[in-house]
Structure formats: C-alpha cells, structure tokens
Amino acid sequence: MKNLPNAFTLMLGIICLTFGATFVIPMGSYTRITDQVSGKTTVVNGSYQQIDGEALDFFDLLLIIPEGLISRADLIVLIFLLGGCFYIVEKTGAMGQGLQWVVDQLKGRDWIALVLVSVIFATGGATIGMQEEFIALTPLLIAFSRSLGYNAFVAIGMSFGAAVLGSAFSPMNPFAVVLAQKEADLPLLSGLEFRVVFLIIALVAYILFLWLYARANPEDKKPMNAPGETISVRSILILLLVGLTFGVVTYGLLLLDWGFNEISACFFLLGILTGLLARLGINRTGFMYVEGMKEMTYAVLILGLASCIPLLLEKGQILDTVIHMAFRPMEGLPPSLSALGMMGSQALLHFPIMSYSAQALMTMPVLIPLSDLVGVSRQVCVLAYQYGAVNMDMLVPTNGALMAILAVAGISFDQWLKFVWKPLLLCFAAGVLAILTGIYIGF
C-alpha cells in the first residue's frame, strides 16, 4: 500500500473537502443564549432550524488559511517557545544523561520504563488534559524510546497516546468531564470512583498492548549517552529546574486558571535559565533558542491548517446541521443502545470539531434533554461524550497536536493508522463496558 500524502497535503485536501461540503449539507442553526455574568454561551435544545445564507466563495477558502493560523496564535507561540526551550535542554546533554541514567538503572527491565512513562503521561492527561505540550518533546521521547529498544510508535504511544487515554477516562479533566458535568447540571467530580476504576482498566489494557507490540517489534538499542556516564552537578540542576517548571505550570493550570500564555512565559524563562546555567552565554542561548523554534515550524503549520476545518464549518453555517443529524437517530431507542449511539455520534463528530471542550459546549445541551427522554442518566450521557469524543484524539487528522507530533516524528498518517487502531479499539471496548455497567447499576 502506497503512503498517503504528507501531513501538509492531507490537511489541504481535508480543507478542500470541507469547503465542498458547505455546498451539499443544508445550512442550519441552533438558538444560543449567552450568560451575561459568566459569558458562557449555551445551545437551546430543540431550537434547530434550517436557514438561508450566503454560500462561501473561493476567496473565503483562501482566507481560511491565515484565519486558521491566527485562531491558534496562543498555542502556536507556546509550541515555538517550548521547541526553543527543550532544544536548549537537549543540547546541554542534561536530559540525555538523566534518561540514560534511568535506562542504566533498569538493567534490562525496560518494560518498567514503558509502564512509568505511560502512567506519568496518562496522569498529565487525566489532570490537566495535556497534549499540545508534548509536540516539542517528541524528538527526545523517540531518542529515549530507542535507547530502550523501542520504535517511534511506542514512543508516541506511551506519551501522546497515554495522555489521550488519561484525558478520555479522567475523573477530573477540567476541559472534558468537568465542563460536561457543568453543562449537565451534575455535581462537579461526581462519580469519581466509577471513573477511576475504568481509567485503571483502560490504562492496564493499553499498557499491556504497548508492551506486547514493543516485544514483537524490537529495535537495536541506541544509547542517548555512553552507558554508565556520570551525571554532572550542572545536569542535575538543569533537570531539577525542568521538574520545578512543570510543577509550577501544573499548579497554575489547576489552581490559578492559567492559559497558554502563562505556560509559554514559564518555558521561555526555563530555556533562558538553562542556557545560562550551562554557561552558553546569552548570545549562544538566543541563537539556540531560534534553532529550536525553527524545528517546530512544520508542526505549527499543520496545527494551524487543522484549525481551518471547524472555522469553515462555522462560516458555511453547516456545523449545527452536522450535530443535529448526528443525534437524531438516537430518539426512540432503548437506553443501552441510545447511550452507545451517543458515544458513536460523539466519536464521529470529533472529526469536524477538533476541540473536545468545544464539543462539550456544543453537544451536551442537545444531548441532556435527549438522555432524559430516552431514560439514560446524565452521568452516562457524560461518559458517552468522554469516551466517544476524547479517545478520538488518537485518530482524527483534524487533531492538530496529533498531526504535528507525527510530522516531527516523520511518521505518515497511514502508518499511524495501522498502529493505532488496535489500542483505540481497546479504549472503545473499555468505554462500552463502562457505559453498559453504568446503565446496569443505575450510575
């Protein structure tokens, strides 16, 4: 089978197909209400109606490219600054020395590293929904994976893939379950124990798959540094500084309502301090920072192109029609089938709606009255959203973070599909089990 076009060509093709869809799918709209205090906009259920509007033209298609890049400006800045920061950290040798020290300590028990890395990244996904932050770490993670004898697919699987799983099965992801529970008028963090149980089940199955895959597809080990090399005091200080920065960022995201700009500022400071601590001097530190940012250019371009797709759907006034068509078949089905249908529809909707937080705001006001009508509890309705929408971040080409990571790793999208469909199927199986269990026990 020939490889699919590269990520740039693939994204342009999807944008053109989306543009064509605006001429085929009827225009429609839900009525939306904006709360004057919180500023949050919600959809009025049952208010969908077809509308007449002006069709897009070729110039709109051209304009959508810069508009897509501009819409993700804060995230693009974050990726550039992360890229520069970790380029400096990598060039100091501190990260390589630290990771090689971990490999040396394992003494052949490489599976322990696979488990620990997967758990750490799954925790990052479960707590603060981390994804884009890993783009700049991809080269380093691949080098670490190869030092264990694992290929690039395992590297992405135990980092990005584990983070997506953690985000999907999380009991507390503020951008998924917490947001959906707010829309469903449920107590925040309610059902925590139930979600934790199925998070563990899904993560164990996922890690077992990665381990079996790694054993079946070994690579020659390529040490990051000379085995047994002593870590210098300077490298230890740099690693402590990296750990401190991640701790501050996590605290800010959880308790201070930080966004991408605050994260960018922290990692910019980390890059500068690392260069000075490594005695690179301010001139060389600045030059290396720019070199690291250059390596992220392709990734941020792919991310910006992915952002064009939901913008086109909105400008073409067909996004609400897509949502309406996705959920209408669930009416009149038994509760179990309705819940599974909601999960499947949320999965399909994640192709055009790349942000799962935006998907929660768009779909939950439509789904909650429907779930009440067909006898599905609101908690199960939130589960269907979580497991259907968020897990698809592993697969959908409209996920800019995924496409950027694949671009940095040099992996084509069809190669990724061949790898990811099995672990994704495991995640969906765990989601189906959780939903059916929830219906059975009256969750």
Protein backbone atom coordinates (compact mmCIF):
# COMPACT_ATOMS: atom_id res chain seq x y z
CA MET A 1 0.00 0.00 0.00
CA LYS A 2 1.41 3.38 -1.01
CA ASN A 3 1.81 6.01 1.68
CA LEU A 4 -0.80 8.71 1.99
CA PRO A 5 0.25 12.27 1.12
CA ASN A 6 2.30 14.07 3.74
CA ALA A 7 0.55 15.92 6.56
CA PHE A 8 0.58 19.27 4.74
CA THR A 9 -1.05 17.85 1.61
CA LEU A 10 -3.50 15.77 3.66
CA MET A 11 -4.67 18.80 5.64
CA LEU A 12 -5.12 20.86 2.46
CA GLY A 13 -7.19 18.02 0.99
CA ILE A 14 -9.45 17.84 4.06
CA ILE A 15 -9.91 21.63 3.97
CA CYS A 16 -10.99 21.45 0.31
CA LEU A 17 -13.41 18.58 1.07
CA THR A 18 -14.88 20.58 3.97
CA PHE A 19 -15.30 23.57 1.67
CA GLY A 20 -17.16 21.34 -0.82
CA ALA A 21 -19.40 20.03 1.98
CA THR A 22 -20.68 23.54 2.63
CA PHE A 23 -22.41 23.39 -0.78
CA VAL A 24 -24.02 19.98 -0.12
CA ILE A 25 -25.12 20.00 3.54
CA PRO A 26 -28.09 22.28 4.31
CA MET A 27 -27.39 25.36 6.38
CA GLY A 28 -28.90 25.28 9.84
CA SER A 29 -28.59 26.80 13.28
CA TYR A 30 -29.47 26.32 16.94
CA THR A 31 -30.52 29.28 19.06
CA ARG A 32 -27.79 30.18 21.53
CA ILE A 33 -28.00 32.13 24.78
CA THR A 34 -25.04 33.92 26.38
CA ASP A 35 -24.94 34.29 30.15
CA GLN A 36 -24.21 37.94 30.97
CA VAL A 37 -22.28 37.06 34.14
CA SER A 38 -20.10 34.13 33.05
CA GLY A 39 -20.00 34.97 29.37
CA LYS A 40 -20.67 31.29 28.55
CA THR A 41 -22.80 30.55 25.51
CA THR A 42 -25.18 27.57 25.57
CA VAL A 43 -27.37 25.91 22.97
CA VAL A 44 -31.15 25.88 23.37
CA ASN A 45 -32.31 22.30 22.86
CA GLY A 46 -34.93 21.76 20.20
CA SER A 47 -34.22 25.11 18.58
CA TYR A 48 -32.54 23.78 15.43
CA GLN A 49 -33.92 25.06 12.16
CA GLN A 50 -32.67 25.25 8.61
CA ILE A 51 -31.73 28.71 7.43
CA ASP A 52 -30.89 30.55 4.25
CA GLY A 53 -27.46 32.05 3.96
CA GLU A 54 -24.85 33.21 1.53
CA ALA A 55 -22.63 30.44 0.14
CA LEU A 56 -18.88 30.64 0.57
CA ASP A 57 -16.71 31.53 -2.39
CA PHE A 58 -13.15 30.71 -3.47
CA PHE A 59 -11.71 33.74 -1.69
CA ASP A 60 -13.26 32.51 1.57
CA LEU A 61 -11.34 29.26 1.06
CA LEU A 62 -8.09 31.19 0.65
CA LEU A 63 -8.79 33.42 3.66
CA ILE A 64 -9.44 30.45 5.92
CA ILE A 65 -5.72 29.52 5.91
CA PRO A 66 -4.44 32.68 7.65
CA GLU A 67 -7.59 32.78 9.79
CA GLY A 68 -6.90 29.23 11.00
CA LEU A 69 -3.33 30.12 11.93
CA ILE A 70 -4.41 33.30 13.70
CA SER A 71 -7.12 31.45 15.66
CA ARG A 72 -4.44 29.26 17.27
CA ALA A 73 -1.87 32.03 17.76
CA ASP A 74 -1.50 31.49 21.51
CA LEU A 75 -0.95 27.76 21.04
CA ILE A 76 1.48 28.33 18.16
CA VAL A 77 3.52 30.68 20.36
CA LEU A 78 3.55 28.03 23.09
CA ILE A 79 4.85 25.37 20.71
CA PHE A 80 7.54 27.67 19.33
CA LEU A 81 8.75 28.60 22.82
CA LEU A 82 8.58 25.00 24.03
CA GLY A 83 10.58 23.95 20.99
CA GLY A 84 13.27 26.50 21.70
CA CYS A 85 13.33 25.66 25.39
CA PHE A 86 13.74 21.90 25.01
CA TYR A 87 16.20 22.27 22.15
CA ILE A 88 18.48 24.06 24.62
CA VAL A 89 17.80 21.50 27.36
CA GLU A 90 18.61 18.69 24.94
CA LYS A 91 21.80 20.33 23.65
CA THR A 92 23.15 20.72 27.19
CA GLY A 93 23.09 16.92 27.43
CA ALA A 94 21.27 17.06 30.76
CA MET A 95 18.11 15.31 29.57
CA GLY A 96 20.08 12.66 27.72
CA GLN A 97 22.26 11.97 30.75
CA GLY A 98 19.23 11.76 33.02
CA LEU A 99 17.25 9.44 30.77
CA GLN A 100 20.29 7.27 30.08
CA TRP A 101 20.85 7.00 33.82
CA VAL A 102 17.28 5.68 34.14
CA VAL A 103 17.95 3.11 31.40
CA ASP A 104 21.18 2.01 33.10
CA GLN A 105 19.41 1.57 36.44
CA LEU A 106 16.75 -0.66 34.89
CA LYS A 107 19.43 -3.15 33.76
CA GLY A 108 17.35 -4.78 31.04
CA ARG A 109 13.97 -4.34 32.71
CA ASP A 110 12.91 -1.89 30.02
CA TRP A 111 9.23 -2.66 30.48
CA ILE A 112 9.35 -0.73 33.77
CA ALA A 113 10.24 2.45 31.87
CA LEU A 114 7.37 1.83 29.44
CA VAL A 115 4.92 1.48 32.34
CA LEU A 116 6.24 4.50 34.27
CA VAL A 117 6.28 6.82 31.24
CA SER A 118 2.76 5.72 30.25
CA VAL A 119 1.44 6.32 33.77
CA ILE A 120 3.11 9.73 34.00
CA PHE A 121 1.70 10.93 30.68
CA ALA A 122 -1.73 9.43 31.41
CA THR A 123 -1.71 11.38 34.69
CA GLY A 124 -0.89 14.56 32.76
CA GLY A 125 -3.86 13.90 30.50
CA ALA A 126 -6.19 13.00 33.36
CA THR A 127 -5.39 16.06 35.47
CA ILE A 128 -4.93 18.93 33.01
CA GLY A 129 -5.65 17.43 29.58
CA MET A 130 -2.08 17.79 28.29
CA GLN A 131 -1.49 17.15 24.57
CA GLU A 132 0.00 20.01 22.59
CA GLU A 133 2.70 20.45 25.22
CA PHE A 134 4.26 17.15 24.08
CA ILE A 135 4.98 18.27 20.50
CA ALA A 136 8.37 19.77 21.35
CA LEU A 137 9.26 16.72 23.46
CA THR A 138 8.73 14.27 20.59
CA PRO A 139 12.36 14.04 19.35
CA LEU A 140 13.61 13.50 22.89
CA LEU A 141 10.96 10.86 23.63
CA ILE A 142 11.81 8.98 20.43
CA ALA A 143 15.51 9.00 21.35
CA PHE A 144 14.64 7.70 24.82
CA SER A 145 12.41 5.01 23.34
CA ARG A 146 15.19 3.83 21.01
CA SER A 147 17.61 3.67 23.92
CA LEU A 148 15.20 1.07 25.36
CA GLY A 149 14.99 -0.83 22.07
CA TYR A 150 11.53 0.52 21.19
CA ASN A 151 10.50 2.26 17.96
CA ALA A 152 8.92 5.69 17.39
CA PHE A 153 5.38 4.28 17.53
CA VAL A 154 5.97 3.08 21.09
CA ALA A 155 7.42 6.49 21.98
CA ILE A 156 4.28 8.30 20.77
CA GLY A 157 2.02 5.59 22.20
CA MET A 158 3.41 5.81 25.72
CA SER A 159 3.37 9.63 25.69
CA PHE A 160 0.71 11.22 23.49
CA GLY A 161 -1.47 8.09 23.32
CA ALA A 162 -1.38 7.57 27.08
CA ALA A 163 -2.21 11.25 27.63
CA VAL A 164 -5.27 10.98 25.36
CA LEU A 165 -6.42 7.89 27.24
CA GLY A 166 -5.95 9.69 30.56
CA SER A 167 -7.93 12.67 29.26
CA ALA A 168 -10.76 10.46 27.99
CA PHE A 169 -11.18 8.30 31.10
CA SER A 170 -10.32 11.08 33.54
CA PRO A 171 -12.47 11.73 36.62
CA MET A 172 -11.32 15.37 36.75
CA ASN A 173 -10.12 16.67 33.34
CA PRO A 174 -11.31 20.31 33.51
CA PHE A 175 -11.68 20.55 29.72
CA ALA A 176 -13.78 17.39 29.36
CA VAL A 177 -15.59 15.75 32.28
CA VAL A 178 -15.78 18.86 34.49
CA LEU A 179 -17.06 21.01 31.62
CA ALA A 180 -19.57 18.34 30.55
CA GLN A 181 -20.83 17.92 34.12
CA LYS A 182 -21.38 21.65 34.36
CA GLU A 183 -23.47 21.55 31.20
CA ALA A 184 -25.41 18.57 32.59
CA ASP A 185 -26.06 20.28 35.96
CA LEU A 186 -24.23 17.48 37.79
CA PRO A 187 -22.10 17.97 40.93
CA LEU A 188 -18.51 18.54 39.86
CA LEU A 189 -16.27 15.45 40.22
CA SER A 190 -19.34 13.31 40.96
CA GLY A 191 -18.90 9.67 40.01
CA LEU A 192 -15.15 9.96 40.61
CA GLU A 193 -14.71 6.42 41.95
CA PHE A 194 -16.55 4.88 38.99
CA ARG A 195 -14.40 6.77 36.51
CA VAL A 196 -11.16 5.91 38.32
CA VAL A 197 -11.98 2.19 38.14
CA PHE A 198 -12.43 2.28 34.38
CA LEU A 199 -9.43 4.57 33.94
CA ILE A 200 -7.31 1.87 35.58
CA ILE A 201 -8.91 -0.88 33.47
CA ALA A 202 -8.33 1.03 30.23
CA LEU A 203 -4.76 2.03 31.14
CA VAL A 204 -3.74 -1.51 32.12
CA ALA A 205 -5.12 -2.90 28.84
CA TYR A 206 -3.42 -0.12 26.88
CA ILE A 207 -0.01 -0.60 28.52
CA LEU A 208 -0.25 -4.37 28.00
CA PHE A 209 -0.85 -3.77 24.29
CA LEU A 210 2.16 -1.42 24.07
CA TRP A 211 4.38 -3.94 25.83
CA LEU A 212 3.32 -6.79 23.53
CA TYR A 213 3.79 -4.56 20.49
CA ALA A 214 7.24 -3.46 21.68
CA ARG A 215 8.30 -7.08 22.19
CA ALA A 216 7.05 -8.06 18.73
CA ASN A 217 8.75 -5.08 17.03
CA PRO A 218 12.16 -4.66 18.70
CA GLU A 219 14.84 -2.24 17.54
CA ASP A 220 18.57 -2.16 18.19
CA LYS A 221 19.22 -0.09 21.28
CA LYS A 222 20.77 3.31 20.60
CA PRO A 223 22.10 4.80 23.87
CA MET A 224 21.42 8.51 24.35
CA ASN A 225 24.78 8.81 26.08
CA ALA A 226 27.60 6.45 26.95
CA PRO A 227 26.20 3.78 29.31
CA GLY A 228 27.31 4.36 32.87
CA GLU A 229 28.20 8.03 32.23
CA THR A 230 28.04 10.04 35.44
CA ILE A 231 25.51 12.85 35.61
CA SER A 232 27.21 16.17 36.26
CA VAL A 233 26.07 18.51 39.01
CA ARG A 234 25.12 21.05 36.35
CA SER A 235 22.90 18.49 34.59
CA ILE A 236 21.20 17.61 37.88
CA LEU A 237 20.46 21.30 38.49
CA ILE A 238 19.03 21.67 34.97
CA LEU A 239 16.80 18.61 35.45
CA LEU A 240 15.61 19.95 38.80
CA LEU A 241 14.81 23.24 37.10
CA VAL A 242 12.80 21.39 34.42
CA GLY A 243 10.89 19.49 37.12
CA LEU A 244 10.23 22.69 39.05
CA THR A 245 8.87 24.38 35.92
CA PHE A 246 6.47 21.52 35.23
CA GLY A 247 5.35 21.68 38.86
CA VAL A 248 4.69 25.43 38.66
CA VAL A 249 2.82 25.05 35.37
CA THR A 250 0.65 22.24 36.75
CA TYR A 251 -0.15 24.32 39.84
CA GLY A 252 -1.04 27.30 37.68
CA LEU A 253 -3.31 25.27 35.41
CA LEU A 254 -5.15 23.60 38.28
CA LEU A 255 -5.46 26.45 40.76
CA LEU A 256 -4.70 29.76 39.03
CA ASP A 257 -6.71 29.34 35.82
CA TRP A 258 -3.62 29.71 33.65
CA GLY A 259 -3.76 29.54 29.87
CA PHE A 260 -1.25 29.04 27.08
CA ASN A 261 0.37 32.46 27.56
CA GLU A 262 1.33 31.79 31.17
CA ILE A 263 2.73 28.37 30.21
CA SER A 264 4.70 29.97 27.37
CA ALA A 265 6.23 32.51 29.75
CA CYS A 266 7.36 29.79 32.17
CA PHE A 267 9.05 27.70 29.50
CA PHE A 268 10.66 30.75 27.90
CA LEU A 269 12.25 31.51 31.25
CA LEU A 270 13.28 27.85 31.62
CA GLY A 271 15.07 27.94 28.26
CA ILE A 272 16.99 31.12 29.09
CA LEU A 273 17.97 29.94 32.59
CA THR A 274 19.05 26.56 31.22
CA GLY A 275 21.34 28.22 28.66
CA LEU A 276 22.89 30.47 31.28
CA LEU A 277 23.27 27.61 33.76
CA ALA A 278 25.04 25.59 31.07
CA ARG A 279 27.37 28.58 30.51
CA LEU A 280 26.31 29.02 26.91
CA GLY A 281 26.18 32.79 27.24
CA ILE A 282 23.23 34.96 26.29
CA ASN A 283 24.21 35.22 22.61
CA ARG A 284 24.58 31.48 22.04
CA THR A 285 21.48 30.78 24.15
CA GLY A 286 19.45 33.11 21.93
CA PHE A 287 20.82 31.53 18.76
CA MET A 288 20.00 28.01 20.00
CA TYR A 289 16.53 29.14 21.03
CA VAL A 290 15.84 30.29 17.47
CA GLU A 291 17.21 27.00 16.09
CA GLY A 292 14.80 25.07 18.32
CA MET A 293 11.88 27.22 17.20
CA LYS A 294 12.76 26.54 13.55
CA GLU A 295 12.34 22.80 14.14
CA MET A 296 8.74 23.42 15.22
CA THR A 297 7.73 25.38 12.10
CA TYR A 298 6.27 22.42 10.22
CA ALA A 299 4.39 21.27 13.32
CA VAL A 300 2.73 24.64 13.94
CA LEU A 301 1.78 24.96 10.27
CA ILE A 302 -0.03 21.61 10.46
CA LEU A 303 -1.72 22.71 13.68
CA GLY A 304 -2.92 25.93 12.03
CA LEU A 305 -4.25 24.10 8.97
CA ALA A 306 -6.21 21.71 11.23
CA SER A 307 -7.86 24.75 12.83
CA CYS A 308 -9.26 25.79 9.44
CA ILE A 309 -11.75 22.91 9.34
CA PRO A 310 -14.14 23.91 12.17
CA LEU A 311 -13.84 27.53 11.02
CA LEU A 312 -15.04 26.54 7.55
CA LEU A 313 -17.97 24.60 9.01
CA GLU A 314 -18.98 27.63 11.06
CA LYS A 315 -18.58 30.14 8.21
CA GLY A 316 -20.53 27.79 5.91
CA GLN A 317 -23.24 27.54 8.63
CA ILE A 318 -23.40 23.74 8.49
CA LEU A 319 -21.82 22.79 11.84
CA ASP A 320 -25.15 22.81 13.71
CA THR A 321 -26.69 20.73 10.91
CA VAL A 322 -23.97 18.11 11.35
CA ILE A 323 -24.64 17.99 15.12
CA HIS A 324 -28.42 17.76 14.58
CA MET A 325 -28.07 14.91 12.06
CA ALA A 326 -25.67 13.01 14.32
CA PHE A 327 -28.01 12.75 17.32
CA ARG A 328 -31.44 12.50 15.71
CA PRO A 329 -31.22 8.67 15.18
CA MET A 330 -30.97 8.10 18.98
CA GLU A 331 -34.60 9.07 19.60
CA GLY A 332 -36.82 6.09 20.35
CA LEU A 333 -34.00 3.58 21.02
CA PRO A 334 -33.67 1.55 24.26
CA PRO A 335 -31.42 3.21 26.90
CA SER A 336 -28.38 0.99 26.29
CA LEU A 337 -28.50 1.45 22.52
CA SER A 338 -29.17 5.18 22.90
CA ALA A 339 -26.13 5.58 25.14
CA LEU A 340 -23.89 3.64 22.78
CA GLY A 341 -25.31 5.63 19.88
CA MET A 342 -24.41 8.84 21.70
CA MET A 343 -20.86 7.57 22.16
CA GLY A 344 -20.58 6.66 18.47
CA SER A 345 -22.02 10.00 17.37
CA GLN A 346 -19.63 11.90 19.63
CA ALA A 347 -16.76 9.94 18.08
CA LEU A 348 -17.86 10.85 14.54
CA LEU A 349 -18.45 14.49 15.46
CA HIS A 350 -14.87 14.77 16.64
CA PHE A 351 -13.70 14.71 13.03
CA PRO A 352 -15.08 18.18 12.25
CA ILE A 353 -14.89 19.50 15.85
CA MET A 354 -11.24 19.16 16.82
CA SER A 355 -11.61 20.65 20.32
CA TYR A 356 -13.32 18.28 22.74
CA SER A 357 -14.06 21.15 25.12
CA ALA A 358 -15.88 22.99 22.32
CA GLN A 359 -17.65 19.73 21.50
CA ALA A 360 -18.94 19.51 25.07
CA LEU A 361 -20.35 23.04 24.88
CA MET A 362 -21.99 22.34 21.51
CA THR A 363 -23.41 18.88 22.13
CA MET A 364 -24.27 18.49 25.81
CA PRO A 365 -27.19 20.99 25.72
CA VAL A 366 -28.62 18.90 22.86
CA LEU A 367 -27.91 15.52 24.44
CA ILE A 368 -29.04 16.14 28.02
CA PRO A 369 -32.78 16.55 27.20
CA LEU A 370 -32.49 13.61 24.81
CA SER A 371 -30.93 11.41 27.51
CA ASP A 372 -33.69 12.37 29.95
CA LEU A 373 -36.28 11.46 27.32
CA VAL A 374 -34.87 8.01 26.48
CA GLY A 375 -34.05 7.02 30.09
CA VAL A 376 -30.26 7.42 30.03
CA SER A 377 -28.84 9.04 33.18
CA ARG A 378 -26.93 12.28 32.79
CA GLN A 379 -23.78 10.69 34.21
CA VAL A 380 -23.89 8.02 31.50
CA CYS A 381 -24.51 10.76 28.94
CA VAL A 382 -21.29 12.45 30.10
CA LEU A 383 -19.47 9.11 29.89
CA ALA A 384 -20.64 8.71 26.28
CA TYR A 385 -19.22 12.13 25.49
CA GLN A 386 -15.90 11.45 27.26
CA TYR A 387 -15.21 8.06 25.74
CA GLY A 388 -16.55 8.89 22.31
CA ALA A 389 -15.07 12.33 21.67
CA VAL A 390 -11.80 12.45 23.61
CA ASN A 391 -10.48 8.99 22.66
CA MET A 392 -10.74 10.00 19.00
CA ASP A 393 -7.87 12.44 19.55
CA MET A 394 -5.65 9.41 18.90
CA LEU A 395 -7.00 9.09 15.36
CA VAL A 396 -8.64 12.14 13.79
CA PRO A 397 -6.46 14.04 11.29
CA THR A 398 -8.19 17.25 12.38
CA ASN A 399 -6.36 16.99 15.73
CA GLY A 400 -3.53 19.44 15.16
CA ALA A 401 -1.47 18.09 18.06
CA LEU A 402 -1.52 14.55 16.64
CA MET A 403 -0.62 15.68 13.12
CA ALA A 404 2.15 17.93 14.44
CA ILE A 405 3.65 15.10 16.51
CA LEU A 406 3.54 12.75 13.53
CA ALA A 407 5.18 15.42 11.38
CA VAL A 408 8.01 15.88 13.89
CA ALA A 409 8.42 12.09 14.19
CA GLY A 410 8.48 11.59 10.42
CA ILE A 411 5.53 9.16 10.55
CA SER A 412 2.89 9.28 7.81
CA PHE A 413 -0.76 9.25 8.78
CA ASP A 414 -1.46 5.86 7.16
CA GLN A 415 1.45 4.34 9.08
CA TRP A 416 -0.04 5.75 12.28
CA LEU A 417 -3.48 4.32 11.41
CA LYS A 418 -2.00 0.83 11.08
CA PHE A 419 -0.58 1.13 14.57
CA VAL A 420 -3.26 3.00 16.49
CA TRP A 421 -6.50 1.22 15.51
CA LYS A 422 -5.89 -1.70 17.88
CA PRO A 423 -5.19 0.31 21.07
CA LEU A 424 -8.01 2.68 20.14
CA LEU A 425 -10.33 -0.30 19.83
CA LEU A 426 -9.27 -1.37 23.34
CA CYS A 427 -10.15 2.09 24.63
CA PHE A 428 -13.57 1.99 23.00
CA ALA A 429 -14.16 -1.50 24.39
CA ALA A 430 -13.40 -0.21 27.89
CA GLY A 431 -15.74 2.74 27.24
CA VAL A 432 -18.56 0.45 26.10
CA LEU A 433 -18.05 -1.72 29.20
CA ALA A 434 -18.20 1.37 31.43
CA ILE A 435 -21.39 2.68 29.77
CA LEU A 436 -23.20 -0.67 29.94
CA THR A 437 -22.09 -1.11 33.56
CA GLY A 438 -23.29 2.40 34.35
CA ILE A 439 -26.72 1.67 32.88
CA TYR A 440 -26.93 -1.67 34.71
CA ILE A 441 -26.08 -0.25 38.15
CA GLY A 442 -28.05 2.98 37.63
CA PHE A 443 -24.94 5.20 37.65
